[in-house]
Amino acid sequence: MTNGRIYQLSHCTYICKYHLVWTTKYRGKVLADKYIKLELKRILKLICRWKGFVLHAWHIGDEHIHLYITIAPKYSVSYAMSILKGK
């Protein structure tokens, strides 16, 4: 099957990994500053720990963000994105 970890809840066993990408408005290079990238990484790790998401990898470019993340099936992908983008 896969070499990844299999997660469990009380009612299911799952491997739900997602590659999430979002960009800034008009592809503006507002994430180019090193301090902003470090602060975003800190905030994303904090939110993932708070909601129980597993953050496998990330990349923050000058105008986009890539996340490779495991989300429990009790949360929808749209809910996870709204939490990550909203905070």
PDB file of N, CA and C in Angstrom:
ATOM      1  N   MET A   1       0.833  -1.185   0.000  1.00  0.00           N
ATOM      2  CA  MET A   1       0.000   0.000   0.000  1.00  0.00           C
ATOM      3  C   MET A   1       0.877   1.247   0.000  1.00  0.00           C
ATOM      4  N   THR A   2       1.057   1.879   1.114  1.00  0.00           N
ATOM      5  CA  THR A   2       1.867   3.092   1.204  1.00  0.00           C
ATOM      6  C   THR A   2       2.794   2.996   2.404  1.00  0.00           C
ATOM      7  N   ASN A   3       3.859   3.718   2.362  1.00  0.00           N
ATOM      8  CA  ASN A   3       4.806   3.720   3.473  1.00  0.00           C
ATOM      9  C   ASN A   3       4.415   4.719   4.561  1.00  0.00           C
ATOM     10  N   GLY A   4       3.357   5.498   4.331  1.00  0.00           N
ATOM     11  CA  GLY A   4       2.937   6.502   5.301  1.00  0.00           C
ATOM     12  C   GLY A   4       2.228   5.893   6.494  1.00  0.00           C
ATOM     13  N   ARG A   5       2.019   6.699   7.468  1.00  0.00           N
ATOM     14  CA  ARG A   5       1.350   6.268   8.686  1.00  0.00           C
ATOM     15  C   ARG A   5      -0.149   6.200   8.454  1.00  0.00           C
ATOM     16  N   ILE A   6      -0.804   5.219   9.034  1.00  0.00           N
ATOM     17  CA  ILE A   6      -2.248   5.091   8.980  1.00  0.00           C
ATOM     18  C   ILE A   6      -2.807   5.650  10.287  1.00  0.00           C
ATOM     19  N   TYR A   7      -3.710   6.623  10.183  1.00  0.00           N
ATOM     20  CA  TYR A   7      -4.286   7.277  11.351  1.00  0.00           C
ATOM     21  C   TYR A   7      -5.625   6.637  11.693  1.00  0.00           C
ATOM     22  N   GLN A   8      -6.014   6.740  12.958  1.00  0.00           N
ATOM     23  CA  GLN A   8      -7.280   6.151  13.398  1.00  0.00           C
ATOM     24  C   GLN A   8      -8.072   7.122  14.256  1.00  0.00           C
ATOM     25  N   LEU A   9      -9.377   7.097  14.052  1.00  0.00           N
ATOM     26  CA  LEU A   9     -10.335   7.719  14.952  1.00  0.00           C
ATOM     27  C   LEU A   9     -11.144   6.593  15.572  1.00  0.00           C
ATOM     28  N   SER A  10     -12.119   6.908  16.389  1.00  0.00           N
ATOM     29  CA  SER A  10     -12.890   5.860  17.045  1.00  0.00           C
ATOM     30  C   SER A  10     -13.730   5.043  16.062  1.00  0.00           C
ATOM     31  N   HIS A  11     -14.040   5.592  14.903  1.00  0.00           N
ATOM     32  CA  HIS A  11     -14.922   4.910  13.963  1.00  0.00           C
ATOM     33  C   HIS A  11     -14.290   4.626  12.604  1.00  0.00           C
ATOM     34  N   CYS A  12     -13.030   4.998  12.369  1.00  0.00           N
ATOM     35  CA  CYS A  12     -12.458   4.812  11.035  1.00  0.00           C
ATOM     36  C   CYS A  12     -10.933   4.773  11.087  1.00  0.00           C
ATOM     37  N   THR A  13     -10.374   4.273  10.002  1.00  0.00           N
ATOM     38  CA  THR A  13      -8.938   4.294   9.757  1.00  0.00           C
ATOM     39  C   THR A  13      -8.740   5.059   8.460  1.00  0.00           C
ATOM     40  N   TYR A  14      -7.765   5.972   8.403  1.00  0.00           N
ATOM     41  CA  TYR A  14      -7.673   6.837   7.230  1.00  0.00           C
ATOM     42  C   TYR A  14      -6.247   7.240   6.903  1.00  0.00           C
ATOM     43  N   ILE A  15      -6.061   7.571   5.654  1.00  0.00           N
ATOM     44  CA  ILE A  15      -4.882   8.271   5.138  1.00  0.00           C
ATOM     45  C   ILE A  15      -5.439   9.332   4.196  1.00  0.00           C
ATOM     46  N   CYS A  16      -5.622  10.526   4.659  1.00  0.00           N
ATOM     47  CA  CYS A  16      -6.201  11.619   3.868  1.00  0.00           C
ATOM     48  C   CYS A  16      -5.145  12.715   3.727  1.00  0.00           C
ATOM     49  N   LYS A  17      -4.318  12.605   2.697  1.00  0.00           N
ATOM     50  CA  LYS A  17      -3.278  13.600   2.457  1.00  0.00           C
ATOM     51  C   LYS A  17      -3.707  14.481   1.300  1.00  0.00           C
ATOM     52  N   TYR A  18      -3.495  15.775   1.444  1.00  0.00           N
ATOM     53  CA  TYR A  18      -3.918  16.737   0.439  1.00  0.00           C
ATOM     54  C   TYR A  18      -2.764  17.677   0.117  1.00  0.00           C
ATOM     55  N   HIS A  19      -2.702  18.087  -1.141  1.00  0.00           N
ATOM     56  CA  HIS A  19      -1.762  19.111  -1.580  1.00  0.00           C
ATOM     57  C   HIS A  19      -2.586  20.363  -1.824  1.00  0.00           C
ATOM     58  N   LEU A  20      -2.480  21.319  -0.931  1.00  0.00           N
ATOM     59  CA  LEU A  20      -3.261  22.551  -1.000  1.00  0.00           C
ATOM     60  C   LEU A  20      -2.380  23.681  -1.504  1.00  0.00           C
ATOM     61  N   VAL A  21      -2.896  24.440  -2.447  1.00  0.00           N
ATOM     62  CA  VAL A  21      -2.157  25.570  -3.018  1.00  0.00           C
ATOM     63  C   VAL A  21      -3.097  26.750  -3.087  1.00  0.00           C
ATOM     64  N   TRP A  22      -2.626  27.910  -2.657  1.00  0.00           N
ATOM     65  CA  TRP A  22      -3.385  29.127  -2.885  1.00  0.00           C
ATOM     66  C   TRP A  22      -2.434  30.271  -3.180  1.00  0.00           C
ATOM     67  N   THR A  23      -2.967  31.271  -3.895  1.00  0.00           N
ATOM     68  CA  THR A  23      -2.150  32.391  -4.353  1.00  0.00           C
ATOM     69  C   THR A  23      -2.702  33.684  -3.791  1.00  0.00           C
ATOM     70  N   THR A  24      -1.888  34.708  -3.885  1.00  0.00           N
ATOM     71  CA  THR A  24      -2.322  36.031  -3.453  1.00  0.00           C
ATOM     72  C   THR A  24      -3.155  36.666  -4.561  1.00  0.00           C
ATOM     73  N   LYS A  25      -3.879  37.692  -4.216  1.00  0.00           N
ATOM     74  CA  LYS A  25      -4.728  38.362  -5.184  1.00  0.00           C
ATOM     75  C   LYS A  25      -3.870  39.002  -6.272  1.00  0.00           C
ATOM     76  N   TYR A  26      -4.245  38.787  -7.507  1.00  0.00           N
ATOM     77  CA  TYR A  26      -3.535  39.289  -8.686  1.00  0.00           C
ATOM     78  C   TYR A  26      -2.085  38.814  -8.745  1.00  0.00           C
ATOM     79  N   ARG A  27      -1.774  37.698  -8.056  1.00  0.00           N
ATOM     80  CA  ARG A  27      -0.428  37.122  -8.022  1.00  0.00           C
ATOM     81  C   ARG A  27       0.628  38.148  -7.588  1.00  0.00           C
ATOM     82  N   GLY A  28       0.242  39.052  -6.701  1.00  0.00           N
ATOM     83  CA  GLY A  28       1.176  40.047  -6.188  1.00  0.00           C
ATOM     84  C   GLY A  28       2.239  39.410  -5.302  1.00  0.00           C
ATOM     85  N   LYS A  29       3.445  39.875  -5.379  1.00  0.00           N
ATOM     86  CA  LYS A  29       4.575  39.298  -4.643  1.00  0.00           C
ATOM     87  C   LYS A  29       4.663  39.881  -3.227  1.00  0.00           C
ATOM     88  N   VAL A  30       3.594  39.678  -2.454  1.00  0.00           N
ATOM     89  CA  VAL A  30       3.538  40.239  -1.109  1.00  0.00           C
ATOM     90  C   VAL A  30       4.189  39.325  -0.070  1.00  0.00           C
ATOM     91  N   LEU A  31       4.531  38.088  -0.441  1.00  0.00           N
ATOM     92  CA  LEU A  31       5.149  37.158   0.497  1.00  0.00           C
ATOM     93  C   LEU A  31       6.660  37.073   0.301  1.00  0.00           C
ATOM     94  N   ALA A  32       7.262  38.045  -0.345  1.00  0.00           N
ATOM     95  CA  ALA A  32       8.683  37.984  -0.690  1.00  0.00           C
ATOM     96  C   ALA A  32       9.596  38.240   0.514  1.00  0.00           C
ATOM     97  N   ASP A  33       9.126  38.939   1.524  1.00  0.00           N
ATOM     98  CA  ASP A  33       9.949  39.269   2.682  1.00  0.00           C
ATOM     99  C   ASP A  33      10.212  38.021   3.531  1.00  0.00           C
ATOM    100  N   LYS A  34      11.449  37.857   3.999  1.00  0.00           N
ATOM    101  CA  LYS A  34      11.828  36.678   4.772  1.00  0.00           C
ATOM    102  C   LYS A  34      11.081  36.616   6.106  1.00  0.00           C
ATOM    103  N   TYR A  35      10.865  37.766   6.748  1.00  0.00           N
ATOM    104  CA  TYR A  35      10.143  37.802   8.024  1.00  0.00           C
ATOM    105  C   TYR A  35       8.704  37.318   7.846  1.00  0.00           C
ATOM    106  N   ILE A  36       8.053  37.716   6.761  1.00  0.00           N
ATOM    107  CA  ILE A  36       6.672  37.304   6.506  1.00  0.00           C
ATOM    108  C   ILE A  36       6.605  35.790   6.311  1.00  0.00           C
ATOM    109  N   LYS A  37       7.565  35.219   5.592  1.00  0.00           N
ATOM    110  CA  LYS A  37       7.588  33.770   5.370  1.00  0.00           C
ATOM    111  C   LYS A  37       7.777  33.015   6.685  1.00  0.00           C
ATOM    112  N   LEU A  38       8.681  33.498   7.535  1.00  0.00           N
ATOM    113  CA  LEU A  38       8.896  32.840   8.823  1.00  0.00           C
ATOM    114  C   LEU A  38       7.668  32.935   9.720  1.00  0.00           C
ATOM    115  N   GLU A  39       7.022  34.078   9.707  1.00  0.00           N
ATOM    116  CA  GLU A  39       5.821  34.262  10.521  1.00  0.00           C
ATOM    117  C   GLU A  39       4.676  33.384  10.011  1.00  0.00           C
ATOM    118  N   LEU A  40       4.532  33.269   8.691  1.00  0.00           N
ATOM    119  CA  LEU A  40       3.509  32.398   8.122  1.00  0.00           C
ATOM    120  C   LEU A  40       3.748  30.943   8.496  1.00  0.00           C
ATOM    121  N   LYS A  41       4.994  30.497   8.442  1.00  0.00           N
ATOM    122  CA  LYS A  41       5.319  29.120   8.819  1.00  0.00           C
ATOM    123  C   LYS A  41       4.980  28.866  10.282  1.00  0.00           C
ATOM    124  N   ARG A  42       5.296  29.823  11.139  1.00  0.00           N
ATOM    125  CA  ARG A  42       4.994  29.680  12.557  1.00  0.00           C
ATOM    126  C   ARG A  42       3.489  29.597  12.793  1.00  0.00           C
ATOM    127  N   ILE A  43       2.733  30.464  12.132  1.00  0.00           N
ATOM    128  CA  ILE A  43       1.281  30.490  12.304  1.00  0.00           C
ATOM    129  C   ILE A  43       0.645  29.217  11.752  1.00  0.00           C
ATOM    130  N   LEU A  44       1.111  28.748  10.586  1.00  0.00           N
ATOM    131  CA  LEU A  44       0.545  27.531  10.001  1.00  0.00           C
ATOM    132  C   LEU A  44       0.813  26.320  10.884  1.00  0.00           C
ATOM    133  N   LYS A  45       2.022  26.230  11.453  1.00  0.00           N
ATOM    134  CA  LYS A  45       2.320  25.120  12.363  1.00  0.00           C
ATOM    135  C   LYS A  45       1.444  25.184  13.609  1.00  0.00           C
ATOM    136  N   LEU A  46       1.228  26.369  14.127  1.00  0.00           N
ATOM    137  CA  LEU A  46       0.392  26.554  15.308  1.00  0.00           C
ATOM    138  C   LEU A  46      -1.061  26.154  15.043  1.00  0.00           C
ATOM    139  N   ILE A  47      -1.607  26.551  13.906  1.00  0.00           N
ATOM    140  CA  ILE A  47      -2.982  26.207  13.556  1.00  0.00           C
ATOM    141  C   ILE A  47      -3.120  24.700  13.355  1.00  0.00           C
ATOM    142  N   CYS A  48      -2.128  24.088  12.688  1.00  0.00           N
ATOM    143  CA  CYS A  48      -2.190  22.640  12.454  1.00  0.00           C
ATOM    144  C   CYS A  48      -2.136  21.865  13.762  1.00  0.00           C
ATOM    145  N   ARG A  49      -1.331  22.313  14.702  1.00  0.00           N
ATOM    146  CA  ARG A  49      -1.267  21.660  16.005  1.00  0.00           C
ATOM    147  C   ARG A  49      -2.590  21.837  16.749  1.00  0.00           C
ATOM    148  N   TRP A  50      -3.190  23.024  16.641  1.00  0.00           N
ATOM    149  CA  TRP A  50      -4.450  23.329  17.315  1.00  0.00           C
ATOM    150  C   TRP A  50      -5.598  22.458  16.799  1.00  0.00           C
ATOM    151  N   LYS A  51      -5.700  22.270  15.465  1.00  0.00           N
ATOM    152  CA  LYS A  51      -6.801  21.520  14.877  1.00  0.00           C
ATOM    153  C   LYS A  51      -6.493  20.041  14.687  1.00  0.00           C
ATOM    154  N   GLY A  52      -5.262  19.606  14.914  1.00  0.00           N
ATOM    155  CA  GLY A  52      -4.920  18.203  14.765  1.00  0.00           C
ATOM    156  C   GLY A  52      -4.547  17.800  13.356  1.00  0.00           C
ATOM    157  N   PHE A  53      -4.232  18.776  12.487  1.00  0.00           N
ATOM    158  CA  PHE A  53      -3.758  18.471  11.145  1.00  0.00           C
ATOM    159  C   PHE A  53      -2.284  18.094  11.235  1.00  0.00           C
ATOM    160  N   VAL A  54      -1.820  17.267  10.303  1.00  0.00           N
ATOM    161  CA  VAL A  54      -0.406  16.909  10.252  1.00  0.00           C
ATOM    162  C   VAL A  54       0.197  17.596   9.034  1.00  0.00           C
ATOM    163  N   LEU A  55       1.137  18.478   9.263  1.00  0.00           N
ATOM    164  CA  LEU A  55       1.780  19.244   8.200  1.00  0.00           C
ATOM    165  C   LEU A  55       3.048  18.510   7.773  1.00  0.00           C
ATOM    166  N   HIS A  56       3.019  17.886   6.606  1.00  0.00           N
ATOM    167  CA  HIS A  56       4.153  17.102   6.133  1.00  0.00           C
ATOM    168  C   HIS A  56       5.215  17.977   5.475  1.00  0.00           C
ATOM    169  N   ALA A  57       4.792  18.899   4.626  1.00  0.00           N
ATOM    170  CA  ALA A  57       5.739  19.761   3.925  1.00  0.00           C
ATOM    171  C   ALA A  57       5.032  21.054   3.542  1.00  0.00           C
ATOM    172  N   TRP A  58       5.810  22.087   3.348  1.00  0.00           N
ATOM    173  CA  TRP A  58       5.260  23.362   2.904  1.00  0.00           C
ATOM    174  C   TRP A  58       6.304  24.093   2.083  1.00  0.00           C
ATOM    175  N   HIS A  59       5.811  24.999   1.262  1.00  0.00           N
ATOM    176  CA  HIS A  59       6.682  25.907   0.515  1.00  0.00           C
ATOM    177  C   HIS A  59       5.935  27.218   0.392  1.00  0.00           C
ATOM    178  N   ILE A  60       6.599  28.283   0.764  1.00  0.00           N
ATOM    179  CA  ILE A  60       6.005  29.605   0.643  1.00  0.00           C
ATOM    180  C   ILE A  60       6.836  30.370  -0.380  1.00  0.00           C
ATOM    181  N   GLY A  61       6.249  30.576  -1.552  1.00  0.00           N
ATOM    182  CA  GLY A  61       6.897  31.344  -2.607  1.00  0.00           C
ATOM    183  C   GLY A  61       6.594  32.819  -2.434  1.00  0.00           C
ATOM    184  N   ASP A  62       6.945  33.606  -3.434  1.00  0.00           N
ATOM    185  CA  ASP A  62       6.697  35.046  -3.350  1.00  0.00           C
ATOM    186  C   ASP A  62       5.224  35.397  -3.534  1.00  0.00           C
ATOM    187  N   GLU A  63       4.474  34.551  -4.273  1.00  0.00           N
ATOM    188  CA  GLU A  63       3.064  34.852  -4.494  1.00  0.00           C
ATOM    189  C   GLU A  63       2.141  33.652  -4.299  1.00  0.00           C
ATOM    190  N   HIS A  64       2.638  32.558  -3.727  1.00  0.00           N
ATOM    191  CA  HIS A  64       1.786  31.399  -3.503  1.00  0.00           C
ATOM    192  C   HIS A  64       2.290  30.577  -2.316  1.00  0.00           C
ATOM    193  N   ILE A  65       1.407  29.701  -1.816  1.00  0.00           N
ATOM    194  CA  ILE A  65       1.726  28.827  -0.686  1.00  0.00           C
ATOM    195  C   ILE A  65       1.313  27.402  -1.056  1.00  0.00           C
ATOM    196  N   HIS A  66       2.223  26.453  -0.850  1.00  0.00           N
ATOM    197  CA  HIS A  66       1.941  25.030  -1.034  1.00  0.00           C
ATOM    198  C   HIS A  66       1.960  24.365   0.339  1.00  0.00           C
ATOM    199  N   LEU A  67       0.976  23.534   0.628  1.00  0.00           N
ATOM    200  CA  LEU A  67       0.952  22.735   1.846  1.00  0.00           C
ATOM    201  C   LEU A  67       0.661  21.284   1.474  1.00  0.00           C
ATOM    202  N   TYR A  68       1.392  20.360   2.062  1.00  0.00           N
ATOM    203  CA  TYR A  68       1.097  18.932   1.948  1.00  0.00           C
ATOM    204  C   TYR A  68       0.691  18.506   3.348  1.00  0.00           C
ATOM    205  N   ILE A  69      -0.584  18.195   3.521  1.00  0.00           N
ATOM    206  CA  ILE A  69      -1.168  18.115   4.852  1.00  0.00           C
ATOM    207  C   ILE A  69      -2.098  16.904   4.961  1.00  0.00           C
ATOM    208  N   THR A  70      -2.170  16.326   6.153  1.00  0.00           N
ATOM    209  CA  THR A  70      -3.134  15.272   6.445  1.00  0.00           C
ATOM    210  C   THR A  70      -4.250  15.877   7.281  1.00  0.00           C
ATOM    211  N   ILE A  71      -5.477  15.699   6.794  1.00  0.00           N
ATOM    212  CA  ILE A  71      -6.658  16.233   7.470  1.00  0.00           C
ATOM    213  C   ILE A  71      -7.544  15.063   7.864  1.00  0.00           C
ATOM    214  N   ALA A  72      -7.999  15.033   9.095  1.00  0.00           N
ATOM    215  CA  ALA A  72      -8.896  13.966   9.557  1.00  0.00           C
ATOM    216  C   ALA A  72     -10.209  14.020   8.787  1.00  0.00           C
ATOM    217  N   PRO A  73     -10.859  12.864   8.575  1.00  0.00           N
ATOM    218  CA  PRO A  73     -12.115  12.855   7.812  1.00  0.00           C
ATOM    219  C   PRO A  73     -13.263  13.597   8.488  1.00  0.00           C
ATOM    220  N   LYS A  74     -13.137  13.911   9.760  1.00  0.00           N
ATOM    221  CA  LYS A  74     -14.209  14.666  10.415  1.00  0.00           C
ATOM    222  C   LYS A  74     -14.234  16.126   9.969  1.00  0.00           C
ATOM    223  N   TYR A  75     -13.151  16.599   9.328  1.00  0.00           N
ATOM    224  CA  TYR A  75     -13.092  17.955   8.775  1.00  0.00           C
ATOM    225  C   TYR A  75     -13.118  17.882   7.254  1.00  0.00           C
ATOM    226  N   SER A  76     -13.869  18.763   6.628  1.00  0.00           N
ATOM    227  CA  SER A  76     -13.842  18.839   5.172  1.00  0.00           C
ATOM    228  C   SER A  76     -12.622  19.660   4.742  1.00  0.00           C
ATOM    229  N   VAL A  77     -12.247  19.508   3.491  1.00  0.00           N
ATOM    230  CA  VAL A  77     -11.098  20.249   2.970  1.00  0.00           C
ATOM    231  C   VAL A  77     -11.418  21.740   2.938  1.00  0.00           C
ATOM    232  N   SER A  78     -12.652  22.081   2.595  1.00  0.00           N
ATOM    233  CA  SER A  78     -13.015  23.498   2.563  1.00  0.00           C
ATOM    234  C   SER A  78     -12.976  24.114   3.961  1.00  0.00           C
ATOM    235  N   TYR A  79     -13.361  23.341   4.985  1.00  0.00           N
ATOM    236  CA  TYR A  79     -13.271  23.838   6.363  1.00  0.00           C
ATOM    237  C   TYR A  79     -11.809  24.058   6.759  1.00  0.00           C
ATOM    238  N   ALA A  80     -10.947  23.102   6.415  1.00  0.00           N
ATOM    239  CA  ALA A  80      -9.535  23.231   6.737  1.00  0.00           C
ATOM    240  C   ALA A  80      -8.927  24.454   6.053  1.00  0.00           C
ATOM    241  N   MET A  81      -9.272  24.665   4.781  1.00  0.00           N
ATOM    242  CA  MET A  81      -8.754  25.834   4.069  1.00  0.00           C
ATOM    243  C   MET A  81      -9.274  27.130   4.686  1.00  0.00           C
ATOM    244  N   SER A  82     -10.551  27.152   5.088  1.00  0.00           N
ATOM    245  CA  SER A  82     -11.080  28.377   5.688  1.00  0.00           C
ATOM    246  C   SER A  82     -10.401  28.684   7.016  1.00  0.00           C
ATOM    247  N   ILE A  83     -10.061  27.643   7.781  1.00  0.00           N
ATOM    248  CA  ILE A  83      -9.351  27.857   9.034  1.00  0.00           C
ATOM    249  C   ILE A  83      -7.936  28.355   8.754  1.00  0.00           C
ATOM    250  N   LEU A  84      -7.225  27.710   7.835  1.00  0.00           N
ATOM    251  CA  LEU A  84      -5.845  28.090   7.543  1.00  0.00           C
ATOM    252  C   LEU A  84      -5.746  29.492   6.942  1.00  0.00           C
ATOM    253  N   LYS A  85      -6.651  29.828   6.029  1.00  0.00           N
ATOM    254  CA  LYS A  85      -6.603  31.136   5.400  1.00  0.00           C
ATOM    255  C   LYS A  85      -7.195  32.225   6.286  1.00  0.00           C
ATOM    256  N   GLY A  86      -8.140  31.857   7.136  1.00  0.00           N
ATOM    257  CA  GLY A  86      -8.827  32.857   7.954  1.00  0.00           C
ATOM    258  C   GLY A  86      -8.020  33.353   9.141  1.00  0.00           C
ATOM    259  N   LYS A  87      -7.134  32.513   9.650  1.00  0.00           N
ATOM    260  CA  LYS A  87      -6.363  32.918  10.809  1.00  0.00           C
ATOM    261  C   LYS A  87      -5.127  33.643  10.370  1.00  0.00           C
TER     262      LYS A  87
END
